[in-house]
């Protein structure tokens, strides 16, 4: 009986962990700014590197997402934003309360 209960608990724990996605894993991928007059995209890799493309120019940098804050450095400039990320949306709000909404590409 104890063996069956142990197996059931391990199986439930594995399902719970696999169902939960961390913000760090959710941000990985390509994103496009919603309702922007020009095309602007961001791409976050699992290794902490990022690419930002605006006006047809791509710059590379690094990022870190921790405790709801995105810190990224692109072309020597570091910015911090509050980050809310789901499977389909990324919302970044800076310290002046300006928000940019991205959708997964």
PDB file of N, CA and C in Angstrom:
ATOM      1  N   UNK A   1       0.824  -1.194   0.000  1.00  0.00           N
ATOM      2  CA  UNK A   1       0.000   0.000   0.000  1.00  0.00           C
ATOM      3  C   UNK A   1       0.873   1.265   0.000  1.00  0.00           C
ATOM      4  N   UNK A   2       1.936   1.255   0.831  1.00  0.00           N
ATOM      5  CA  UNK A   2       2.815   2.422   0.904  1.00  0.00           C
ATOM      6  C   UNK A   2       3.527   2.665  -0.420  1.00  0.00           C
ATOM      7  N   UNK A   3       3.875   1.589  -1.114  1.00  0.00           N
ATOM      8  CA  UNK A   3       4.558   1.727  -2.402  1.00  0.00           C
ATOM      9  C   UNK A   3       3.627   2.384  -3.419  1.00  0.00           C
ATOM     10  N   UNK A   4       2.378   1.957  -3.457  1.00  0.00           N
ATOM     11  CA  UNK A   4       1.419   2.546  -4.401  1.00  0.00           C
ATOM     12  C   UNK A   4       1.197   4.028  -4.086  1.00  0.00           C
ATOM     13  N   UNK A   5       1.109   4.364  -2.810  1.00  0.00           N
ATOM     14  CA  UNK A   5       0.917   5.754  -2.412  1.00  0.00           C
ATOM     15  C   UNK A   5       2.133   6.595  -2.801  1.00  0.00           C
ATOM     16  N   UNK A   6       3.320   6.049  -2.587  1.00  0.00           N
ATOM     17  CA  UNK A   6       4.547   6.766  -2.959  1.00  0.00           C
ATOM     18  C   UNK A   6       4.607   7.013  -4.457  1.00  0.00           C
ATOM     19  N   UNK A   7       4.264   6.007  -5.237  1.00  0.00           N
ATOM     20  CA  UNK A   7       4.275   6.149  -6.695  1.00  0.00           C
ATOM     21  C   UNK A   7       3.251   7.196  -7.125  1.00  0.00           C
ATOM     22  N   UNK A   8       2.089   7.174  -6.522  1.00  0.00           N
ATOM     23  CA  UNK A   8       1.051   8.152  -6.866  1.00  0.00           C
ATOM     24  C   UNK A   8       1.502   9.566  -6.516  1.00  0.00           C
ATOM     25  N   UNK A   9       2.132   9.752  -5.372  1.00  0.00           N
ATOM     26  CA  UNK A   9       2.612  11.074  -4.969  1.00  0.00           C
ATOM     27  C   UNK A   9       3.703  11.583  -5.909  1.00  0.00           C
ATOM     28  N   UNK A  10       4.615  10.720  -6.297  1.00  0.00           N
ATOM     29  CA  UNK A  10       5.678  11.107  -7.224  1.00  0.00           C
ATOM     30  C   UNK A  10       5.080  11.483  -8.578  1.00  0.00           C
ATOM     31  N   UNK A  11       4.112  10.720  -9.055  1.00  0.00           N
ATOM     32  CA  UNK A  11       3.469  11.009 -10.332  1.00  0.00           C
ATOM     33  C   UNK A  11       2.742  12.345 -10.287  1.00  0.00           C
ATOM     34  N   UNK A  12       2.041  12.622  -9.196  1.00  0.00           N
ATOM     35  CA  UNK A  12       1.342  13.906  -9.054  1.00  0.00           C
ATOM     36  C   UNK A  12       2.325  15.067  -9.010  1.00  0.00           C
ATOM     37  N   UNK A  13       3.410  14.895  -8.286  1.00  0.00           N
ATOM     38  CA  UNK A  13       4.424  15.949  -8.213  1.00  0.00           C
ATOM     39  C   UNK A  13       5.030  16.215  -9.584  1.00  0.00           C
ATOM     40  N   UNK A  14       5.306  15.169 -10.340  1.00  0.00           N
ATOM     41  CA  UNK A  14       5.878  15.336 -11.684  1.00  0.00           C
ATOM     42  C   UNK A  14       4.904  16.069 -12.602  1.00  0.00           C
ATOM     43  N   UNK A  15       3.628  15.737 -12.530  1.00  0.00           N
ATOM     44  CA  UNK A  15       2.629  16.424 -13.342  1.00  0.00           C
ATOM     45  C   UNK A  15       2.516  17.893 -12.949  1.00  0.00           C
ATOM     46  N   UNK A  16       2.550  18.174 -11.655  1.00  0.00           N
ATOM     47  CA  UNK A  16       2.461  19.554 -11.179  1.00  0.00           C
ATOM     48  C   UNK A  16       3.643  20.375 -11.670  1.00  0.00           C
ATOM     49  N   UNK A  17       4.839  19.846 -11.556  1.00  0.00           N
ATOM     50  CA  UNK A  17       6.039  20.569 -11.978  1.00  0.00           C
ATOM     51  C   UNK A  17       6.038  20.789 -13.485  1.00  0.00           C
ATOM     52  N   UNK A  18       5.625  19.798 -14.244  1.00  0.00           N
ATOM     53  CA  UNK A  18       5.621  19.952 -15.704  1.00  0.00           C
ATOM     54  C   UNK A  18       4.543  20.923 -16.166  1.00  0.00           C
ATOM     55  N   UNK A  19       3.473  21.072 -15.422  1.00  0.00           N
ATOM     56  CA  UNK A  19       2.396  21.984 -15.803  1.00  0.00           C
ATOM     57  C   UNK A  19       2.748  23.433 -15.517  1.00  0.00           C
ATOM     58  N   UNK A  20       3.639  23.669 -14.584  1.00  0.00           N
ATOM     59  CA  UNK A  20       4.015  25.029 -14.217  1.00  0.00           C
ATOM     60  C   UNK A  20       5.205  25.464 -15.060  1.00  0.00           C
ATOM     61  N   UNK A  21       5.058  26.616 -15.696  1.00  0.00           N
ATOM     62  CA  UNK A  21       6.164  27.167 -16.468  1.00  0.00           C
ATOM     63  C   UNK A  21       6.657  28.406 -15.752  1.00  0.00           C
ATOM     64  N   UNK A  22       7.941  28.490 -15.570  1.00  0.00           N
ATOM     65  CA  UNK A  22       8.507  29.655 -14.900  1.00  0.00           C
ATOM     66  C   UNK A  22       8.547  30.828 -15.870  1.00  0.00           C
ATOM     67  N   UNK A  23       8.515  32.065 -15.350  1.00  0.00           N
ATOM     68  CA  UNK A  23       8.642  33.219 -16.231  1.00  0.00           C
ATOM     69  C   UNK A  23       9.920  33.160 -17.069  1.00  0.00           C
ATOM     70  N   UNK A  24      11.001  32.628 -16.491  1.00  0.00           N
ATOM     71  CA  UNK A  24      12.266  32.533 -17.219  1.00  0.00           C
ATOM     72  C   UNK A  24      12.104  31.672 -18.468  1.00  0.00           C
ATOM     73  N   UNK A  25      11.377  30.582 -18.371  1.00  0.00           N
ATOM     74  CA  UNK A  25      11.192  29.737 -19.551  1.00  0.00           C
ATOM     75  C   UNK A  25      10.133  30.315 -20.487  1.00  0.00           C
ATOM     76  N   UNK A  26       9.159  31.039 -19.946  1.00  0.00           N
ATOM     77  CA  UNK A  26       8.112  31.622 -20.786  1.00  0.00           C
ATOM     78  C   UNK A  26       8.630  32.748 -21.678  1.00  0.00           C
ATOM     79  N   UNK A  27       9.630  33.480 -21.216  1.00  0.00           N
ATOM     80  CA  UNK A  27      10.106  34.633 -21.992  1.00  0.00           C
ATOM     81  C   UNK A  27      10.921  34.216 -23.216  1.00  0.00           C
ATOM     82  N   UNK A  28      11.458  33.016 -23.200  1.00  0.00           N
ATOM     83  CA  UNK A  28      12.301  32.552 -24.312  1.00  0.00           C
ATOM     84  C   UNK A  28      11.467  32.478 -25.590  1.00  0.00           C
ATOM     85  N   UNK A  29      11.986  33.128 -26.634  1.00  0.00           N
ATOM     86  CA  UNK A  29      11.314  33.112 -27.921  1.00  0.00           C
ATOM     87  C   UNK A  29      11.292  34.491 -28.555  1.00  0.00           C
ATOM     88  N   UNK A  30      10.495  34.625 -29.613  1.00  0.00           N
ATOM     89  CA  UNK A  30      10.409  35.881 -30.354  1.00  0.00           C
ATOM     90  C   UNK A  30       9.113  36.606 -29.999  1.00  0.00           C
ATOM     91  N   UNK A  31       9.229  37.924 -29.823  1.00  0.00           N
ATOM     92  CA  UNK A  31       8.109  38.768 -29.432  1.00  0.00           C
ATOM     93  C   UNK A  31       8.031  39.973 -30.365  1.00  0.00           C
ATOM     94  N   UNK A  32       6.812  40.440 -30.631  1.00  0.00           N
ATOM     95  CA  UNK A  32       6.606  41.613 -31.469  1.00  0.00           C
ATOM     96  C   UNK A  32       5.725  42.610 -30.715  1.00  0.00           C
ATOM     97  N   UNK A  33       6.090  43.895 -30.776  1.00  0.00           N
ATOM     98  CA  UNK A  33       5.321  44.925 -30.089  1.00  0.00           C
ATOM     99  C   UNK A  33       3.933  45.012 -30.707  1.00  0.00           C
ATOM    100  N   UNK A  34       2.915  45.062 -29.842  1.00  0.00           N
ATOM    101  CA  UNK A  34       1.536  45.190 -30.303  1.00  0.00           C
ATOM    102  C   UNK A  34       1.228  46.645 -30.651  1.00  0.00           C
ATOM    103  N   UNK A  35       0.446  46.855 -31.684  1.00  0.00           N
ATOM    104  CA  UNK A  35      -0.073  48.172 -32.057  1.00  0.00           C
ATOM    105  C   UNK A  35       1.008  49.237 -32.192  1.00  0.00           C
ATOM    106  N   UNK A  36       2.147  48.870 -32.703  1.00  0.00           N
ATOM    107  CA  UNK A  36       3.233  49.837 -32.899  1.00  0.00           C
ATOM    108  C   UNK A  36       3.183  50.372 -34.326  1.00  0.00           C
ATOM    109  N   UNK A  37       3.510  51.659 -34.511  1.00  0.00           N
ATOM    110  CA  UNK A  37       3.512  52.211 -35.864  1.00  0.00           C
ATOM    111  C   UNK A  37       4.637  51.638 -36.739  1.00  0.00           C
ATOM    112  N   UNK A  38       5.657  51.071 -36.098  1.00  0.00           N
ATOM    113  CA  UNK A  38       6.733  50.426 -36.839  1.00  0.00           C
ATOM    114  C   UNK A  38       7.012  49.067 -36.210  1.00  0.00           C
ATOM    115  N   UNK A  39       7.611  48.213 -36.988  1.00  0.00           N
ATOM    116  CA  UNK A  39       7.870  46.859 -36.507  1.00  0.00           C
ATOM    117  C   UNK A  39       9.046  46.861 -35.531  1.00  0.00           C
ATOM    118  N   UNK A  40       8.801  46.348 -34.345  1.00  0.00           N
ATOM    119  CA  UNK A  40       9.841  46.215 -33.328  1.00  0.00           C
ATOM    120  C   UNK A  40       9.704  44.836 -32.706  1.00  0.00           C
ATOM    121  N   UNK A  41      10.803  44.086 -32.695  1.00  0.00           N
ATOM    122  CA  UNK A  41      10.772  42.739 -32.143  1.00  0.00           C
ATOM    123  C   UNK A  41      11.885  42.558 -31.121  1.00  0.00           C
ATOM    124  N   UNK A  42      11.651  41.620 -30.229  1.00  0.00           N
ATOM    125  CA  UNK A  42      12.655  41.217 -29.253  1.00  0.00           C
ATOM    126  C   UNK A  42      12.714  39.699 -29.268  1.00  0.00           C
ATOM    127  N   UNK A  43      13.914  39.174 -29.140  1.00  0.00           N
ATOM    128  CA  UNK A  43      14.097  37.730 -29.096  1.00  0.00           C
ATOM    129  C   UNK A  43      14.968  37.400 -27.891  1.00  0.00           C
ATOM    130  N   UNK A  44      14.442  36.551 -27.014  1.00  0.00           N
ATOM    131  CA  UNK A  44      15.150  36.142 -25.810  1.00  0.00           C
ATOM    132  C   UNK A  44      15.544  34.678 -25.934  1.00  0.00           C
ATOM    133  N   UNK A  45      16.807  34.379 -25.686  1.00  0.00           N
ATOM    134  CA  UNK A  45      17.308  33.004 -25.740  1.00  0.00           C
ATOM    135  C   UNK A  45      17.435  32.450 -24.326  1.00  0.00           C
ATOM    136  N   UNK A  46      17.471  31.146 -24.230  1.00  0.00           N
ATOM    137  CA  UNK A  46      17.586  30.494 -22.935  1.00  0.00           C
ATOM    138  C   UNK A  46      18.921  30.712 -22.248  1.00  0.00           C
ATOM    139  N   UNK A  47      19.932  31.151 -23.002  1.00  0.00           N
ATOM    140  CA  UNK A  47      21.264  31.359 -22.415  1.00  0.00           C
ATOM    141  C   UNK A  47      21.469  32.773 -21.870  1.00  0.00           C
ATOM    142  N   UNK A  48      20.399  33.599 -21.850  1.00  0.00           N
ATOM    143  CA  UNK A  48      20.512  34.947 -21.304  1.00  0.00           C
ATOM    144  C   UNK A  48      20.885  36.010 -22.317  1.00  0.00           C
ATOM    145  N   UNK A  49      20.923  35.646 -23.594  1.00  0.00           N
ATOM    146  CA  UNK A  49      21.200  36.650 -24.622  1.00  0.00           C
ATOM    147  C   UNK A  49      19.877  37.114 -25.236  1.00  0.00           C
ATOM    148  N   UNK A  50      19.900  38.331 -25.782  1.00  0.00           N
ATOM    149  CA  UNK A  50      18.701  38.900 -26.378  1.00  0.00           C
ATOM    150  C   UNK A  50      19.073  39.668 -27.634  1.00  0.00           C
ATOM    151  N   UNK A  51      18.099  39.781 -28.542  1.00  0.00           N
ATOM    152  CA  UNK A  51      18.244  40.590 -29.749  1.00  0.00           C
ATOM    153  C   UNK A  51      17.046  41.527 -29.808  1.00  0.00           C
ATOM    154  N   UNK A  52      17.308  42.770 -30.133  1.00  0.00           N
ATOM    155  CA  UNK A  52      16.264  43.764 -30.288  1.00  0.00           C
ATOM    156  C   UNK A  52      16.368  44.326 -31.700  1.00  0.00           C
ATOM    157  N   UNK A  53      15.258  44.307 -32.443  1.00  0.00           N
ATOM    158  CA  UNK A  53      15.260  44.786 -33.815  1.00  0.00           C
ATOM    159  C   UNK A  53      14.263  45.933 -33.955  1.00  0.00           C
ATOM    160  N   UNK A  54      14.784  47.091 -34.416  1.00  0.00           N
ATOM    161  CA  UNK A  54      13.970  48.271 -34.693  1.00  0.00           C
ATOM    162  C   UNK A  54      14.517  48.932 -35.948  1.00  0.00           C
ATOM    163  N   UNK A  55      13.644  49.512 -36.742  1.00  0.00           N
ATOM    164  CA  UNK A  55      14.058  50.206 -37.960  1.00  0.00           C
ATOM    165  C   UNK A  55      14.935  49.331 -38.844  1.00  0.00           C
ATOM    166  N   UNK A  56      14.718  48.013 -38.800  1.00  0.00           N
ATOM    167  CA  UNK A  56      15.496  47.093 -39.609  1.00  0.00           C
ATOM    168  C   UNK A  56      16.894  46.813 -39.087  1.00  0.00           C
ATOM    169  N   UNK A  57      17.241  47.368 -37.943  1.00  0.00           N
ATOM    170  CA  UNK A  57      18.565  47.171 -37.333  1.00  0.00           C
ATOM    171  C   UNK A  57      18.436  46.268 -36.121  1.00  0.00           C
ATOM    172  N   UNK A  58      19.329  45.301 -36.002  1.00  0.00           N
ATOM    173  CA  UNK A  58      19.321  44.379 -34.872  1.00  0.00           C
ATOM    174  C   UNK A  58      20.532  44.629 -33.988  1.00  0.00           C
ATOM    175  N   UNK A  59      20.286  44.751 -32.698  1.00  0.00           N
ATOM    176  CA  UNK A  59      21.362  44.872 -31.719  1.00  0.00           C
ATOM    177  C   UNK A  59      21.238  43.704 -30.751  1.00  0.00           C
ATOM    178  N   UNK A  60      22.378  43.269 -30.236  1.00  0.00           N
ATOM    179  CA  UNK A  60      22.396  42.127 -29.325  1.00  0.00           C
ATOM    180  C   UNK A  60      22.756  42.579 -27.922  1.00  0.00           C
ATOM    181  N   UNK A  61      22.303  41.817 -26.957  1.00  0.00           N
ATOM    182  CA  UNK A  61      22.602  42.132 -25.568  1.00  0.00           C
ATOM    183  C   UNK A  61      22.362  40.941 -24.679  1.00  0.00           C
ATOM    184  N   UNK A  62      22.229  41.226 -23.393  1.00  0.00           N
ATOM    185  CA  UNK A  62      21.987  40.186 -22.393  1.00  0.00           C
ATOM    186  C   UNK A  62      20.802  40.601 -21.541  1.00  0.00           C
ATOM    187  N   UNK A  63      20.148  39.602 -20.954  1.00  0.00           N
ATOM    188  CA  UNK A  63      19.016  39.887 -20.081  1.00  0.00           C
ATOM    189  C   UNK A  63      19.006  38.938 -18.890  1.00  0.00           C
ATOM    190  N   UNK A  64      18.251  39.367 -17.880  1.00  0.00           N
ATOM    191  CA  UNK A  64      18.012  38.517 -16.719  1.00  0.00           C
ATOM    192  C   UNK A  64      16.604  38.820 -16.232  1.00  0.00           C
ATOM    193  N   UNK A  65      15.820  37.788 -16.042  1.00  0.00           N
ATOM    194  CA  UNK A  65      14.462  37.922 -15.530  1.00  0.00           C
ATOM    195  C   UNK A  65      14.435  37.297 -14.151  1.00  0.00           C
ATOM    196  N   UNK A  66      14.123  38.115 -13.147  1.00  0.00           N
ATOM    197  CA  UNK A  66      14.146  37.622 -11.775  1.00  0.00           C
ATOM    198  C   UNK A  66      13.094  38.362 -10.962  1.00  0.00           C
ATOM    199  N   UNK A  67      12.261  37.627 -10.278  1.00  0.00           N
ATOM    200  CA  UNK A  67      11.253  38.177  -9.363  1.00  0.00           C
ATOM    201  C   UNK A  67      10.406  39.262 -10.023  1.00  0.00           C
ATOM    202  N   UNK A  68       9.977  39.025 -11.257  1.00  0.00           N
ATOM    203  CA  UNK A  68       9.108  39.964 -11.939  1.00  0.00           C
ATOM    204  C   UNK A  68       9.794  41.202 -12.477  1.00  0.00           C
ATOM    205  N   UNK A  69      11.122  41.194 -12.517  1.00  0.00           N
ATOM    206  CA  UNK A  69      11.864  42.327 -13.061  1.00  0.00           C
ATOM    207  C   UNK A  69      12.768  41.838 -14.188  1.00  0.00           C
ATOM    208  N   UNK A  70      12.697  42.538 -15.323  1.00  0.00           N
ATOM    209  CA  UNK A  70      13.564  42.240 -16.454  1.00  0.00           C
ATOM    210  C   UNK A  70      14.664  43.288 -16.488  1.00  0.00           C
ATOM    211  N   UNK A  71      15.901  42.835 -16.420  1.00  0.00           N
ATOM    212  CA  UNK A  71      17.056  43.714 -16.550  1.00  0.00           C
ATOM    213  C   UNK A  71      17.754  43.296 -17.823  1.00  0.00           C
ATOM    214  N   UNK A  72      17.852  44.236 -18.785  1.00  0.00           N
ATOM    215  CA  UNK A  72      18.558  43.885 -20.007  1.00  0.00           C
ATOM    216  C   UNK A  72      19.502  44.984 -20.416  1.00  0.00           C
ATOM    217  N   UNK A  73      20.614  44.547 -20.989  1.00  0.00           N
ATOM    218  CA  UNK A  73      21.657  45.453 -21.433  1.00  0.00           C
ATOM    219  C   UNK A  73      21.837  45.258 -22.930  1.00  0.00           C
ATOM    220  N   UNK A  74      21.611  46.345 -23.676  1.00  0.00           N
ATOM    221  CA  UNK A  74      21.745  46.332 -25.129  1.00  0.00           C
ATOM    222  C   UNK A  74      22.587  47.542 -25.516  1.00  0.00           C
ATOM    223  N   UNK A  75      23.640  47.311 -26.275  1.00  0.00           N
ATOM    224  CA  UNK A  75      24.552  48.376 -26.718  1.00  0.00           C
ATOM    225  C   UNK A  75      25.084  49.201 -25.542  1.00  0.00           C
ATOM    226  N   UNK A  76      25.368  48.525 -24.450  1.00  0.00           N
ATOM    227  CA  UNK A  76      25.949  49.184 -23.286  1.00  0.00           C
ATOM    228  C   UNK A  76      24.960  49.937 -22.417  1.00  0.00           C
ATOM    229  N   UNK A  77      23.682  49.920 -22.752  1.00  0.00           N
ATOM    230  CA  UNK A  77      22.658  50.615 -21.971  1.00  0.00           C
ATOM    231  C   UNK A  77      21.825  49.576 -21.237  1.00  0.00           C
ATOM    232  N   UNK A  78      21.742  49.716 -19.910  1.00  0.00           N
ATOM    233  CA  UNK A  78      20.971  48.788 -19.085  1.00  0.00           C
ATOM    234  C   UNK A  78      19.646  49.419 -18.702  1.00  0.00           C
ATOM    235  N   UNK A  79      18.572  48.677 -18.898  1.00  0.00           N
ATOM    236  CA  UNK A  79      17.246  49.134 -18.496  1.00  0.00           C
ATOM    237  C   UNK A  79      16.616  48.084 -17.593  1.00  0.00           C
ATOM    238  N   UNK A  80      15.754  48.557 -16.703  1.00  0.00           N
ATOM    239  CA  UNK A  80      15.012  47.671 -15.809  1.00  0.00           C
ATOM    240  C   UNK A  80      13.533  47.937 -16.008  1.00  0.00           C
ATOM    241  N   UNK A  81      12.770  46.869 -16.053  1.00  0.00           N
ATOM    242  CA  UNK A  81      11.323  46.977 -16.219  1.00  0.00           C
ATOM    243  C   UNK A  81      10.636  45.934 -15.370  1.00  0.00           C
ATOM    244  N   UNK A  82       9.447  46.276 -14.901  1.00  0.00           N
ATOM    245  CA  UNK A  82       8.592  45.262 -14.303  1.00  0.00           C
ATOM    246  C   UNK A  82       8.104  44.396 -15.448  1.00  0.00           C
ATOM    247  N   UNK A  83       8.137  43.098 -15.259  1.00  0.00           N
ATOM    248  CA  UNK A  83       7.770  42.185 -16.344  1.00  0.00           C
ATOM    249  C   UNK A  83       6.630  41.275 -15.929  1.00  0.00           C
ATOM    250  N   UNK A  84       5.672  41.159 -16.812  1.00  0.00           N
ATOM    251  CA  UNK A  84       4.588  40.205 -16.645  1.00  0.00           C
ATOM    252  C   UNK A  84       4.566  39.376 -17.918  1.00  0.00           C
ATOM    253  N   UNK A  85       4.881  38.097 -17.794  1.00  0.00           N
ATOM    254  CA  UNK A  85       4.984  37.254 -18.980  1.00  0.00           C
ATOM    255  C   UNK A  85       4.067  36.048 -18.847  1.00  0.00           C
ATOM    256  N   UNK A  86       3.336  35.783 -19.937  1.00  0.00           N
ATOM    257  CA  UNK A  86       2.514  34.577 -20.040  1.00  0.00           C
ATOM    258  C   UNK A  86       2.976  33.834 -21.291  1.00  0.00           C
ATOM    259  N   UNK A  87       2.283  32.787 -21.632  1.00  0.00           N
ATOM    260  CA  UNK A  87       2.666  32.009 -22.818  1.00  0.00           C
ATOM    261  C   UNK A  87       2.512  32.812 -24.108  1.00  0.00           C
ATOM    262  N   UNK A  88       1.635  33.829 -24.124  1.00  0.00           N
ATOM    263  CA  UNK A  88       1.367  34.562 -25.360  1.00  0.00           C
ATOM    264  C   UNK A  88       1.637  36.063 -25.270  1.00  0.00           C
ATOM    265  N   UNK A  89       1.798  36.607 -24.063  1.00  0.00           N
ATOM    266  CA  UNK A  89       1.979  38.046 -23.910  1.00  0.00           C
ATOM    267  C   UNK A  89       3.137  38.374 -22.979  1.00  0.00           C
ATOM    268  N   UNK A  90       3.797  39.472 -23.295  1.00  0.00           N
ATOM    269  CA  UNK A  90       4.872  40.009 -22.471  1.00  0.00           C
ATOM    270  C   UNK A  90       4.586  41.490 -22.284  1.00  0.00           C
ATOM    271  N   UNK A  91       4.493  41.915 -21.037  1.00  0.00           N
ATOM    272  CA  UNK A  91       4.207  43.310 -20.735  1.00  0.00           C
ATOM    273  C   UNK A  91       5.353  43.862 -19.904  1.00  0.00           C
ATOM    274  N   UNK A  92       5.980  44.934 -20.384  1.00  0.00           N
ATOM    275  CA  UNK A  92       7.106  45.558 -19.697  1.00  0.00           C
ATOM    276  C   UNK A  92       6.735  46.986 -19.313  1.00  0.00           C
ATOM    277  N   UNK A  93       6.907  47.320 -18.031  1.00  0.00           N
ATOM    278  CA  UNK A  93       6.592  48.651 -17.527  1.00  0.00           C
ATOM    279  C   UNK A  93       7.841  49.242 -16.905  1.00  0.00           C
ATOM    280  N   UNK A  94       8.251  50.435 -17.395  1.00  0.00           N
ATOM    281  CA  UNK A  94       9.470  51.058 -16.884  1.00  0.00           C
ATOM    282  C   UNK A  94       9.189  51.875 -15.622  1.00  0.00           C
ATOM    283  N   UNK A  95      10.228  52.506 -15.089  1.00  0.00           N
ATOM    284  CA  UNK A  95      10.092  53.248 -13.838  1.00  0.00           C
ATOM    285  C   UNK A  95       9.274  54.528 -13.991  1.00  0.00           C
ATOM    286  N   UNK A  96       8.985  54.934 -15.217  1.00  0.00           N
ATOM    287  CA  UNK A  96       8.130  56.092 -15.462  1.00  0.00           C
ATOM    288  C   UNK A  96       6.705  55.669 -15.802  1.00  0.00           C
ATOM    289  N   UNK A  97       6.395  54.412 -15.510  1.00  0.00           N
ATOM    290  CA  UNK A  97       5.072  53.817 -15.692  1.00  0.00           C
ATOM    291  C   UNK A  97       4.629  53.758 -17.154  1.00  0.00           C
ATOM    292  N   UNK A  98       5.586  53.658 -18.086  1.00  0.00           N
ATOM    293  CA  UNK A  98       5.279  53.450 -19.496  1.00  0.00           C
ATOM    294  C   UNK A  98       5.312  51.963 -19.771  1.00  0.00           C
ATOM    295  N   UNK A  99       4.288  51.472 -20.457  1.00  0.00           N
ATOM    296  CA  UNK A  99       4.154  50.036 -20.697  1.00  0.00           C
ATOM    297  C   UNK A  99       4.240  49.725 -22.178  1.00  0.00           C
ATOM    298  N   UNK A 100       5.021  48.703 -22.496  1.00  0.00           N
ATOM    299  CA  UNK A 100       5.080  48.166 -23.856  1.00  0.00           C
ATOM    300  C   UNK A 100       4.564  46.735 -23.788  1.00  0.00           C
ATOM    301  N   UNK A 101       3.621  46.446 -24.675  1.00  0.00           N
ATOM    302  CA  UNK A 101       3.028  45.101 -24.729  1.00  0.00           C
ATOM    303  C   UNK A 101       3.520  44.395 -25.979  1.00  0.00           C
ATOM    304  N   UNK A 102       4.009  43.188 -25.767  1.00  0.00           N
ATOM    305  CA  UNK A 102       4.477  42.334 -26.852  1.00  0.00           C
ATOM    306  C   UNK A 102       3.539  41.139 -26.967  1.00  0.00           C
ATOM    307  N   UNK A 103       3.456  40.596 -28.158  1.00  0.00           N
ATOM    308  CA  UNK A 103       2.769  39.317 -28.363  1.00  0.00           C
ATOM    309  C   UNK A 103       3.780  38.329 -28.930  1.00  0.00           C
ATOM    310  N   UNK A 104       3.578  37.071 -28.591  1.00  0.00           N
ATOM    311  CA  UNK A 104       4.494  36.045 -29.095  1.00  0.00           C
ATOM    312  C   UNK A 104       4.355  35.958 -30.589  1.00  0.00           C
ATOM    313  N   UNK A 105       5.488  35.899 -31.239  1.00  0.00           N
ATOM    314  CA  UNK A 105       5.543  35.823 -32.693  1.00  0.00           C
ATOM    315  C   UNK A 105       5.410  34.417 -33.177  1.00  0.00           C
TER     316      UNK A 105
END
